[in-house]
Amino acid sequence: KYLPDVCDPLLRNEVLYHIFYLEEDLHHHTLI
């Protein structure tokens, strides 16, 4: 939401995918 549009859009998506993955995986880790 808040980083300016000068940031590389493909790299931004890559970072977001990674955060989504890590968020989900850590959630399962906590459930274990």
PDB file of all heavy atoms in Angstrom:
ATOM      1  N   LYS A   1       0.782  -1.235   0.000  1.00  0.00           N
ATOM      2  CA  LYS A   1       0.000   0.000   0.000  1.00  0.00           C
ATOM      3  C   LYS A   1       0.815   1.287   0.000  1.00  0.00           C
ATOM      4  O   LYS A   1       0.363   2.302  -0.535  1.00  0.00           O
ATOM      5  CB  LYS A   1      -0.926   0.029   1.225  1.00  0.00           C
ATOM      6  CG  LYS A   1      -1.963  -1.076   1.270  1.00  0.00           C
ATOM      7  CD  LYS A   1      -2.791  -0.935   2.541  1.00  0.00           C
ATOM      8  CE  LYS A   1      -3.848  -2.024   2.653  1.00  0.00           C
ATOM      9  NZ  LYS A   1      -4.656  -1.873   3.902  1.00  0.00           N
ATOM     10  N   TYR A   2       2.001   1.258   0.619  1.00  0.00           N
ATOM     11  CA  TYR A   2       2.634   2.532   0.947  1.00  0.00           C
ATOM     12  C   TYR A   2       3.982   2.786   0.281  1.00  0.00           C
ATOM     13  O   TYR A   2       4.496   3.904   0.389  1.00  0.00           O
ATOM     14  CB  TYR A   2       2.769   2.665   2.474  1.00  0.00           C
ATOM     15  CG  TYR A   2       1.432   2.573   3.164  1.00  0.00           C
ATOM     16  CD1 TYR A   2       1.135   1.525   4.032  1.00  0.00           C
ATOM     17  CD2 TYR A   2       0.436   3.527   2.925  1.00  0.00           C
ATOM     18  CE1 TYR A   2      -0.106   1.434   4.643  1.00  0.00           C
ATOM     19  CE2 TYR A   2      -0.802   3.439   3.540  1.00  0.00           C
ATOM     20  CZ  TYR A   2      -1.070   2.393   4.396  1.00  0.00           C
ATOM     21  OH  TYR A   2      -2.292   2.295   5.000  1.00  0.00           O
ATOM     22  N   LEU A   3       4.579   1.802  -0.361  1.00  0.00           N
ATOM     23  CA  LEU A   3       5.817   2.090  -1.080  1.00  0.00           C
ATOM     24  C   LEU A   3       5.482   2.805  -2.383  1.00  0.00           C
ATOM     25  O   LEU A   3       4.483   2.491  -3.038  1.00  0.00           O
ATOM     26  CB  LEU A   3       6.584   0.796  -1.371  1.00  0.00           C
ATOM     27  CG  LEU A   3       7.207   0.080  -0.167  1.00  0.00           C
ATOM     28  CD1 LEU A   3       8.054  -1.088  -0.637  1.00  0.00           C
ATOM     29  CD2 LEU A   3       8.038   1.027   0.683  1.00  0.00           C
ATOM     30  N   PRO A   4       6.286   3.775  -2.793  1.00  0.00           N
ATOM     31  CA  PRO A   4       5.981   4.555  -4.003  1.00  0.00           C
ATOM     32  C   PRO A   4       6.096   3.717  -5.270  1.00  0.00           C
ATOM     33  O   PRO A   4       6.706   2.640  -5.275  1.00  0.00           O
ATOM     34  CB  PRO A   4       7.029   5.668  -3.979  1.00  0.00           C
ATOM     35  CG  PRO A   4       8.164   5.103  -3.175  1.00  0.00           C
ATOM     36  CD  PRO A   4       7.535   4.227  -2.133  1.00  0.00           C
ATOM     37  N   ASP A   5       5.509   4.230  -6.362  1.00  0.00           N
ATOM     38  CA  ASP A   5       5.469   3.461  -7.600  1.00  0.00           C
ATOM     39  C   ASP A   5       6.809   3.442  -8.339  1.00  0.00           C
ATOM     40  O   ASP A   5       6.912   2.849  -9.411  1.00  0.00           O
ATOM     41  CB  ASP A   5       4.358   3.965  -8.526  1.00  0.00           C
ATOM     42  CG  ASP A   5       4.498   5.435  -8.863  1.00  0.00           C
ATOM     43  OD1 ASP A   5       5.541   6.023  -8.517  1.00  0.00           O
ATOM     44  OD2 ASP A   5       3.557   5.998  -9.461  1.00  0.00           O
ATOM     45  N   VAL A   6       7.838   4.088  -7.776  1.00  0.00           N
ATOM     46  CA  VAL A   6       9.168   3.966  -8.382  1.00  0.00           C
ATOM     47  C   VAL A   6       9.764   2.575  -8.126  1.00  0.00           C
ATOM     48  O   VAL A   6      10.732   2.188  -8.765  1.00  0.00           O
ATOM     49  CB  VAL A   6      10.137   5.046  -7.846  1.00  0.00           C
ATOM     50  CG1 VAL A   6       9.693   6.426  -8.295  1.00  0.00           C
ATOM     51  CG2 VAL A   6      10.261   4.980  -6.325  1.00  0.00           C
ATOM     52  N   CYS A   7       9.184   1.849  -7.200  1.00  0.00           N
ATOM     53  CA  CYS A   7       9.659   0.492  -6.914  1.00  0.00           C
ATOM     54  C   CYS A   7       9.307  -0.435  -8.071  1.00  0.00           C
ATOM     55  O   CYS A   7       8.221  -0.340  -8.650  1.00  0.00           O
ATOM     56  CB  CYS A   7       9.038  -0.032  -5.621  1.00  0.00           C
ATOM     57  SG  CYS A   7       9.526   0.883  -4.139  1.00  0.00           S
ATOM     58  N   ASP A   8      10.215  -1.341  -8.369  1.00  0.00           N
ATOM     59  CA  ASP A   8      10.016  -2.313  -9.444  1.00  0.00           C
ATOM     60  C   ASP A   8       8.762  -3.138  -9.158  1.00  0.00           C
ATOM     61  O   ASP A   8       8.698  -3.828  -8.132  1.00  0.00           O
ATOM     62  CB  ASP A   8      11.248  -3.221  -9.525  1.00  0.00           C
ATOM     63  CG  ASP A   8      11.184  -4.207 -10.683  1.00  0.00           C
ATOM     64  OD1 ASP A   8      10.115  -4.812 -10.900  1.00  0.00           O
ATOM     65  OD2 ASP A   8      12.205  -4.374 -11.363  1.00  0.00           O
ATOM     66  N   PRO A   9       7.748  -3.119 -10.047  1.00  0.00           N
ATOM     67  CA  PRO A   9       6.494  -3.846  -9.762  1.00  0.00           C
ATOM     68  C   PRO A   9       6.671  -5.356  -9.692  1.00  0.00           C
ATOM     69  O   PRO A   9       6.018  -6.024  -8.878  1.00  0.00           O
ATOM     70  CB  PRO A   9       5.580  -3.437 -10.922  1.00  0.00           C
ATOM     71  CG  PRO A   9       6.488  -2.961 -11.994  1.00  0.00           C
ATOM     72  CD  PRO A   9       7.678  -2.368 -11.303  1.00  0.00           C
ATOM     73  N   LEU A  10       7.550  -5.915 -10.527  1.00  0.00           N
ATOM     74  CA  LEU A  10       7.768  -7.363 -10.487  1.00  0.00           C
ATOM     75  C   LEU A  10       8.465  -7.768  -9.187  1.00  0.00           C
ATOM     76  O   LEU A  10       8.117  -8.786  -8.577  1.00  0.00           O
ATOM     77  CB  LEU A  10       8.591  -7.807 -11.697  1.00  0.00           C
ATOM     78  CG  LEU A  10       7.906  -7.675 -13.057  1.00  0.00           C
ATOM     79  CD1 LEU A  10       8.844  -8.130 -14.182  1.00  0.00           C
ATOM     80  CD2 LEU A  10       6.610  -8.488 -13.097  1.00  0.00           C
ATOM     81  N   LEU A  11       9.433  -6.955  -8.773  1.00  0.00           N
ATOM     82  CA  LEU A  11      10.130  -7.245  -7.526  1.00  0.00           C
ATOM     83  C   LEU A  11       9.203  -7.060  -6.331  1.00  0.00           C
ATOM     84  O   LEU A  11       9.253  -7.819  -5.370  1.00  0.00           O
ATOM     85  CB  LEU A  11      11.352  -6.336  -7.390  1.00  0.00           C
ATOM     86  CG  LEU A  11      12.275  -6.596  -6.204  1.00  0.00           C
ATOM     87  CD1 LEU A  11      12.719  -8.057  -6.164  1.00  0.00           C
ATOM     88  CD2 LEU A  11      13.474  -5.677  -6.255  1.00  0.00           C
ATOM     89  N   ARG A  12       8.323  -6.074  -6.409  1.00  0.00           N
ATOM     90  CA  ARG A  12       7.340  -5.873  -5.334  1.00  0.00           C
ATOM     91  C   ARG A  12       6.446  -7.102  -5.205  1.00  0.00           C
ATOM     92  O   ARG A  12       6.180  -7.574  -4.093  1.00  0.00           O
ATOM     93  CB  ARG A  12       6.494  -4.635  -5.604  1.00  0.00           C
ATOM     94  CG  ARG A  12       5.645  -4.221  -4.381  1.00  0.00           C
ATOM     95  CD  ARG A  12       4.499  -3.288  -4.755  1.00  0.00           C
ATOM     96  NE  ARG A  12       4.933  -2.048  -5.327  1.00  0.00           N
ATOM     97  CZ  ARG A  12       4.789  -0.840  -4.745  1.00  0.00           C
ATOM     98  NH1 ARG A  12       4.207  -0.736  -3.571  1.00  0.00           N
ATOM     99  NH2 ARG A  12       5.194   0.257  -5.358  1.00  0.00           N
ATOM    100  N   ASN A  13       5.969  -7.628  -6.338  1.00  0.00           N
ATOM    101  CA  ASN A  13       5.148  -8.838  -6.302  1.00  0.00           C
ATOM    102  C   ASN A  13       5.931 -10.022  -5.736  1.00  0.00           C
ATOM    103  O   ASN A  13       5.392 -10.835  -4.974  1.00  0.00           O
ATOM    104  CB  ASN A  13       4.644  -9.186  -7.707  1.00  0.00           C
ATOM    105  CG  ASN A  13       3.529  -8.271  -8.166  1.00  0.00           C
ATOM    106  OD1 ASN A  13       2.960  -7.519  -7.371  1.00  0.00           O
ATOM    107  ND2 ASN A  13       3.204  -8.317  -9.451  1.00  0.00           N
ATOM    108  N   GLU A  14       7.194 -10.105  -6.112  1.00  0.00           N
ATOM    109  CA  GLU A  14       8.039 -11.193  -5.615  1.00  0.00           C
ATOM    110  C   GLU A  14       8.159 -11.122  -4.093  1.00  0.00           C
ATOM    111  O   GLU A  14       8.057 -12.143  -3.398  1.00  0.00           O
ATOM    112  CB  GLU A  14       9.419 -11.075  -6.264  1.00  0.00           C
ATOM    113  CG  GLU A  14      10.293 -12.292  -6.090  1.00  0.00           C
ATOM    114  CD  GLU A  14      11.600 -12.166  -6.864  1.00  0.00           C
ATOM    115  OE1 GLU A  14      11.576 -11.592  -7.975  1.00  0.00           O
ATOM    116  OE2 GLU A  14      12.638 -12.620  -6.343  1.00  0.00           O
ATOM    117  N   VAL A  15       8.370  -9.910  -3.565  1.00  0.00           N
ATOM    118  CA  VAL A  15       8.463  -9.733  -2.120  1.00  0.00           C
ATOM    119  C   VAL A  15       7.133 -10.085  -1.453  1.00  0.00           C
ATOM    120  O   VAL A  15       7.102 -10.757  -0.412  1.00  0.00           O
ATOM    121  CB  VAL A  15       8.873  -8.283  -1.783  1.00  0.00           C
ATOM    122  CG1 VAL A  15       8.708  -8.005  -0.288  1.00  0.00           C
ATOM    123  CG2 VAL A  15      10.313  -8.029  -2.209  1.00  0.00           C
ATOM    124  N   LEU A  16       6.033  -9.672  -2.057  1.00  0.00           N
ATOM    125  CA  LEU A  16       4.717  -9.964  -1.485  1.00  0.00           C
ATOM    126  C   LEU A  16       4.438 -11.462  -1.466  1.00  0.00           C
ATOM    127  O   LEU A  16       3.926 -11.998  -0.476  1.00  0.00           O
ATOM    128  CB  LEU A  16       3.626  -9.227  -2.260  1.00  0.00           C
ATOM    129  CG  LEU A  16       3.498  -7.734  -1.973  1.00  0.00           C
ATOM    130  CD1 LEU A  16       2.540  -7.073  -2.949  1.00  0.00           C
ATOM    131  CD2 LEU A  16       3.029  -7.495  -0.534  1.00  0.00           C
ATOM    132  N   TYR A  17       4.755 -12.149  -2.563  1.00  0.00           N
ATOM    133  CA  TYR A  17       4.572 -13.599  -2.589  1.00  0.00           C
ATOM    134  C   TYR A  17       5.368 -14.250  -1.457  1.00  0.00           C
ATOM    135  O   TYR A  17       4.878 -15.165  -0.778  1.00  0.00           O
ATOM    136  CB  TYR A  17       5.031 -14.175  -3.928  1.00  0.00           C
ATOM    137  CG  TYR A  17       4.012 -14.073  -5.038  1.00  0.00           C
ATOM    138  CD1 TYR A  17       4.327 -13.440  -6.244  1.00  0.00           C
ATOM    139  CD2 TYR A  17       2.735 -14.626  -4.901  1.00  0.00           C
ATOM    140  CE1 TYR A  17       3.398 -13.343  -7.269  1.00  0.00           C
ATOM    141  CE2 TYR A  17       1.806 -14.543  -5.921  1.00  0.00           C
ATOM    142  CZ  TYR A  17       2.132 -13.899  -7.104  1.00  0.00           C
ATOM    143  OH  TYR A  17       1.213 -13.800  -8.117  1.00  0.00           O
ATOM    144  N   HIS A  18       6.572 -13.766  -1.257  1.00  0.00           N
ATOM    145  CA  HIS A  18       7.422 -14.343  -0.215  1.00  0.00           C
ATOM    146  C   HIS A  18       6.821 -14.098   1.174  1.00  0.00           C
ATOM    147  O   HIS A  18       6.819 -14.991   2.028  1.00  0.00           O
ATOM    148  CB  HIS A  18       8.819 -13.721  -0.294  1.00  0.00           C
ATOM    149  CG  HIS A  18       9.858 -14.494   0.451  1.00  0.00           C
ATOM    150  ND1 HIS A  18      11.089 -14.800  -0.063  1.00  0.00           N
ATOM    151  CD2 HIS A  18       9.845 -15.051   1.684  1.00  0.00           C
ATOM    152  CE1 HIS A  18      11.781 -15.499   0.812  1.00  0.00           C
ATOM    153  NE2 HIS A  18      11.047 -15.662   1.879  1.00  0.00           N
ATOM    154  N   ILE A  19       6.313 -12.891   1.396  1.00  0.00           N
ATOM    155  CA  ILE A  19       5.704 -12.588   2.693  1.00  0.00           C
ATOM    156  C   ILE A  19       4.460 -13.444   2.925  1.00  0.00           C
ATOM    157  O   ILE A  19       4.261 -13.983   4.022  1.00  0.00           O
ATOM    158  CB  ILE A  19       5.356 -11.088   2.795  1.00  0.00           C
ATOM    159  CG1 ILE A  19       6.623 -10.238   2.744  1.00  0.00           C
ATOM    160  CG2 ILE A  19       4.599 -10.799   4.098  1.00  0.00           C
ATOM    161  CD1 ILE A  19       6.363  -8.743   2.661  1.00  0.00           C
ATOM    162  N   PHE A  20       3.614 -13.579   1.900  1.00  0.00           N
ATOM    163  CA  PHE A  20       2.422 -14.422   2.027  1.00  0.00           C
ATOM    164  C   PHE A  20       2.814 -15.861   2.368  1.00  0.00           C
ATOM    165  O   PHE A  20       2.200 -16.495   3.242  1.00  0.00           O
ATOM    166  CB  PHE A  20       1.612 -14.399   0.729  1.00  0.00           C
ATOM    167  CG  PHE A  20       0.613 -13.281   0.634  1.00  0.00           C
ATOM    168  CD1 PHE A  20       0.829 -12.205  -0.225  1.00  0.00           C
ATOM    169  CD2 PHE A  20      -0.553 -13.307   1.385  1.00  0.00           C
ATOM    170  CE1 PHE A  20      -0.094 -11.178  -0.324  1.00  0.00           C
ATOM    171  CE2 PHE A  20      -1.486 -12.283   1.294  1.00  0.00           C
ATOM    172  CZ  PHE A  20      -1.251 -11.210   0.442  1.00  0.00           C
ATOM    173  N   TYR A  21       3.835 -16.371   1.668  1.00  0.00           N
ATOM    174  CA  TYR A  21       4.287 -17.745   1.921  1.00  0.00           C
ATOM    175  C   TYR A  21       4.791 -17.884   3.351  1.00  0.00           C
ATOM    176  O   TYR A  21       4.415 -18.821   4.072  1.00  0.00           O
ATOM    177  CB  TYR A  21       5.393 -18.130   0.938  1.00  0.00           C
ATOM    178  CG  TYR A  21       6.212 -19.307   1.418  1.00  0.00           C
ATOM    179  CD1 TYR A  21       5.707 -20.607   1.322  1.00  0.00           C
ATOM    180  CD2 TYR A  21       7.459 -19.120   2.012  1.00  0.00           C
ATOM    181  CE1 TYR A  21       6.439 -21.686   1.799  1.00  0.00           C
ATOM    182  CE2 TYR A  21       8.186 -20.187   2.485  1.00  0.00           C
ATOM    183  CZ  TYR A  21       7.673 -21.471   2.384  1.00  0.00           C
ATOM    184  OH  TYR A  21       8.403 -22.530   2.863  1.00  0.00           O
ATOM    185  N   LEU A  22       5.655 -16.942   3.770  1.00  0.00           N
ATOM    186  CA  LEU A  22       6.246 -17.027   5.099  1.00  0.00           C
ATOM    187  C   LEU A  22       5.187 -16.870   6.183  1.00  0.00           C
ATOM    188  O   LEU A  22       5.219 -17.575   7.202  1.00  0.00           O
ATOM    189  CB  LEU A  22       7.324 -15.945   5.243  1.00  0.00           C
ATOM    190  CG  LEU A  22       8.228 -16.011   6.470  1.00  0.00           C
ATOM    191  CD1 LEU A  22       8.899 -17.370   6.589  1.00  0.00           C
ATOM    192  CD2 LEU A  22       9.264 -14.898   6.412  1.00  0.00           C
ATOM    193  N   GLU A  23       4.238 -15.991   5.969  1.00  0.00           N
ATOM    194  CA  GLU A  23       3.152 -15.777   6.925  1.00  0.00           C
ATOM    195  C   GLU A  23       2.355 -17.075   7.122  1.00  0.00           C
ATOM    196  O   GLU A  23       2.059 -17.481   8.255  1.00  0.00           O
ATOM    197  CB  GLU A  23       2.246 -14.668   6.417  1.00  0.00           C
ATOM    198  CG  GLU A  23       1.123 -14.277   7.356  1.00  0.00           C
ATOM    199  CD  GLU A  23       0.274 -13.153   6.787  1.00  0.00           C
ATOM    200  OE1 GLU A  23       0.055 -13.118   5.548  1.00  0.00           O
ATOM    201  OE2 GLU A  23      -0.185 -12.309   7.564  1.00  0.00           O
ATOM    202  N   GLU A  24       2.018 -17.725   6.031  1.00  0.00           N
ATOM    203  CA  GLU A  24       1.249 -18.970   6.119  1.00  0.00           C
ATOM    204  C   GLU A  24       2.062 -20.084   6.764  1.00  0.00           C
ATOM    205  O   GLU A  24       1.553 -20.838   7.611  1.00  0.00           O
ATOM    206  CB  GLU A  24       0.800 -19.396   4.715  1.00  0.00           C
ATOM    207  CG  GLU A  24      -0.041 -20.665   4.714  1.00  0.00           C
ATOM    208  CD  GLU A  24      -0.478 -21.079   3.319  1.00  0.00           C
ATOM    209  OE1 GLU A  24      -0.049 -20.427   2.333  1.00  0.00           O
ATOM    210  OE2 GLU A  24      -1.231 -22.055   3.208  1.00  0.00           O
ATOM    211  N   ASP A  25       3.330 -20.187   6.383  1.00  0.00           N
ATOM    212  CA  ASP A  25       4.158 -21.261   6.920  1.00  0.00           C
ATOM    213  C   ASP A  25       4.399 -21.085   8.414  1.00  0.00           C
ATOM    214  O   ASP A  25       4.346 -22.050   9.184  1.00  0.00           O
ATOM    215  CB  ASP A  25       5.486 -21.307   6.167  1.00  0.00           C
ATOM    216  CG  ASP A  25       6.114 -22.688   6.197  1.00  0.00           C
ATOM    217  OD1 ASP A  25       6.835 -22.998   7.158  1.00  0.00           O
ATOM    218  OD2 ASP A  25       5.855 -23.466   5.263  1.00  0.00           O
ATOM    219  N   LEU A  26       4.650 -19.849   8.847  1.00  0.00           N
ATOM    220  CA  LEU A  26       4.843 -19.591  10.266  1.00  0.00           C
ATOM    221  C   LEU A  26       3.563 -19.833  11.063  1.00  0.00           C
ATOM    222  O   LEU A  26       3.612 -20.252  12.226  1.00  0.00           O
ATOM    223  CB  LEU A  26       5.323 -18.154  10.482  1.00  0.00           C
ATOM    224  CG  LEU A  26       6.801 -17.892  10.172  1.00  0.00           C
ATOM    225  CD1 LEU A  26       7.087 -16.392  10.152  1.00  0.00           C
ATOM    226  CD2 LEU A  26       7.708 -18.582  11.187  1.00  0.00           C
ATOM    227  N   HIS A  27       2.421 -19.581  10.434  1.00  0.00           N
ATOM    228  CA  HIS A  27       1.144 -19.867  11.096  1.00  0.00           C
ATOM    229  C   HIS A  27       1.016 -21.363  11.378  1.00  0.00           C
ATOM    230  O   HIS A  27       0.636 -21.770  12.488  1.00  0.00           O
ATOM    231  CB  HIS A  27      -0.017 -19.391  10.222  1.00  0.00           C
ATOM    232  CG  HIS A  27      -1.367 -19.737  10.759  1.00  0.00           C
ATOM    233  ND1 HIS A  27      -1.868 -19.198  11.923  1.00  0.00           N
ATOM    234  CD2 HIS A  27      -2.327 -20.583  10.288  1.00  0.00           C
ATOM    235  CE1 HIS A  27      -3.070 -19.700  12.161  1.00  0.00           C
ATOM    236  NE2 HIS A  27      -3.379 -20.527  11.190  1.00  0.00           N
ATOM    237  N   HIS A  28       1.358 -22.189  10.391  1.00  0.00           N
ATOM    238  CA  HIS A  28       1.321 -23.642  10.603  1.00  0.00           C
ATOM    239  C   HIS A  28       2.347 -24.065  11.653  1.00  0.00           C
ATOM    240  O   HIS A  28       2.090 -24.978  12.455  1.00  0.00           O
ATOM    241  CB  HIS A  28       1.564 -24.378   9.291  1.00  0.00           C
ATOM    242  CG  HIS A  28       0.401 -24.333   8.348  1.00  0.00           C
ATOM    243  ND1 HIS A  28      -0.806 -24.934   8.621  1.00  0.00           N
ATOM    244  CD2 HIS A  28       0.259 -23.748   7.133  1.00  0.00           C
ATOM    245  CE1 HIS A  28      -1.646 -24.731   7.616  1.00  0.00           C
ATOM    246  NE2 HIS A  28      -1.025 -24.012   6.713  1.00  0.00           N
ATOM    247  N   HIS A  29       3.493 -23.424  11.641  1.00  0.00           N
ATOM    248  CA  HIS A  29       4.525 -23.712  12.638  1.00  0.00           C
ATOM    249  C   HIS A  29       3.974 -23.479  14.048  1.00  0.00           C
ATOM    250  O   HIS A  29       4.174 -24.300  14.952  1.00  0.00           O
ATOM    251  CB  HIS A  29       5.732 -22.805  12.370  1.00  0.00           C
ATOM    252  CG  HIS A  29       6.875 -23.032  13.290  1.00  0.00           C
ATOM    253  ND1 HIS A  29       7.841 -23.996  13.089  1.00  0.00           N
ATOM    254  CD2 HIS A  29       7.229 -22.404  14.451  1.00  0.00           C
ATOM    255  CE1 HIS A  29       8.728 -23.955  14.057  1.00  0.00           C
ATOM    256  NE2 HIS A  29       8.377 -22.992  14.905  1.00  0.00           N
ATOM    257  N   THR A  30       3.268 -22.368  14.225  1.00  0.00           N
ATOM    258  CA  THR A  30       2.670 -22.062  15.523  1.00  0.00           C
ATOM    259  C   THR A  30       1.620 -23.104  15.901  1.00  0.00           C
ATOM    260  O   THR A  30       1.532 -23.518  17.071  1.00  0.00           O
ATOM    261  CB  THR A  30       2.032 -20.659  15.494  1.00  0.00           C
ATOM    262  OG1 THR A  30       3.033 -19.685  15.212  1.00  0.00           O
ATOM    263  CG2 THR A  30       1.377 -20.327  16.830  1.00  0.00           C
ATOM    264  N   LEU A  31       0.839 -23.554  14.925  1.00  0.00           N
ATOM    265  CA  LEU A  31      -0.180 -24.572  15.203  1.00  0.00           C
ATOM    266  C   LEU A  31       0.457 -25.900  15.605  1.00  0.00           C
ATOM    267  O   LEU A  31      -0.091 -26.620  16.457  1.00  0.00           O
ATOM    268  CB  LEU A  31      -1.075 -24.763  13.979  1.00  0.00           C
ATOM    269  CG  LEU A  31      -2.016 -23.598  13.641  1.00  0.00           C
ATOM    270  CD1 LEU A  31      -2.772 -23.879  12.343  1.00  0.00           C
ATOM    271  CD2 LEU A  31      -3.005 -23.345  14.780  1.00  0.00           C
ATOM    272  N   ILE A  32       1.589 -26.240  15.001  1.00  0.00           N
ATOM    273  CA  ILE A  32       2.299 -27.459  15.408  1.00  0.00           C
ATOM    274  C   ILE A  32       2.700 -27.353  16.878  1.00  0.00           C
ATOM    275  O   ILE A  32       2.572 -28.314  17.647  1.00  0.00           O
ATOM    276  CB  ILE A  32       3.555 -27.676  14.523  1.00  0.00           C
ATOM    277  CG1 ILE A  32       3.167 -28.040  13.081  1.00  0.00           C
ATOM    278  CG2 ILE A  32       4.450 -28.763  15.129  1.00  0.00           C
ATOM    279  CD1 ILE A  32       2.570 -29.411  12.914  1.00  0.00           C
TER     280      ILE A  32
END
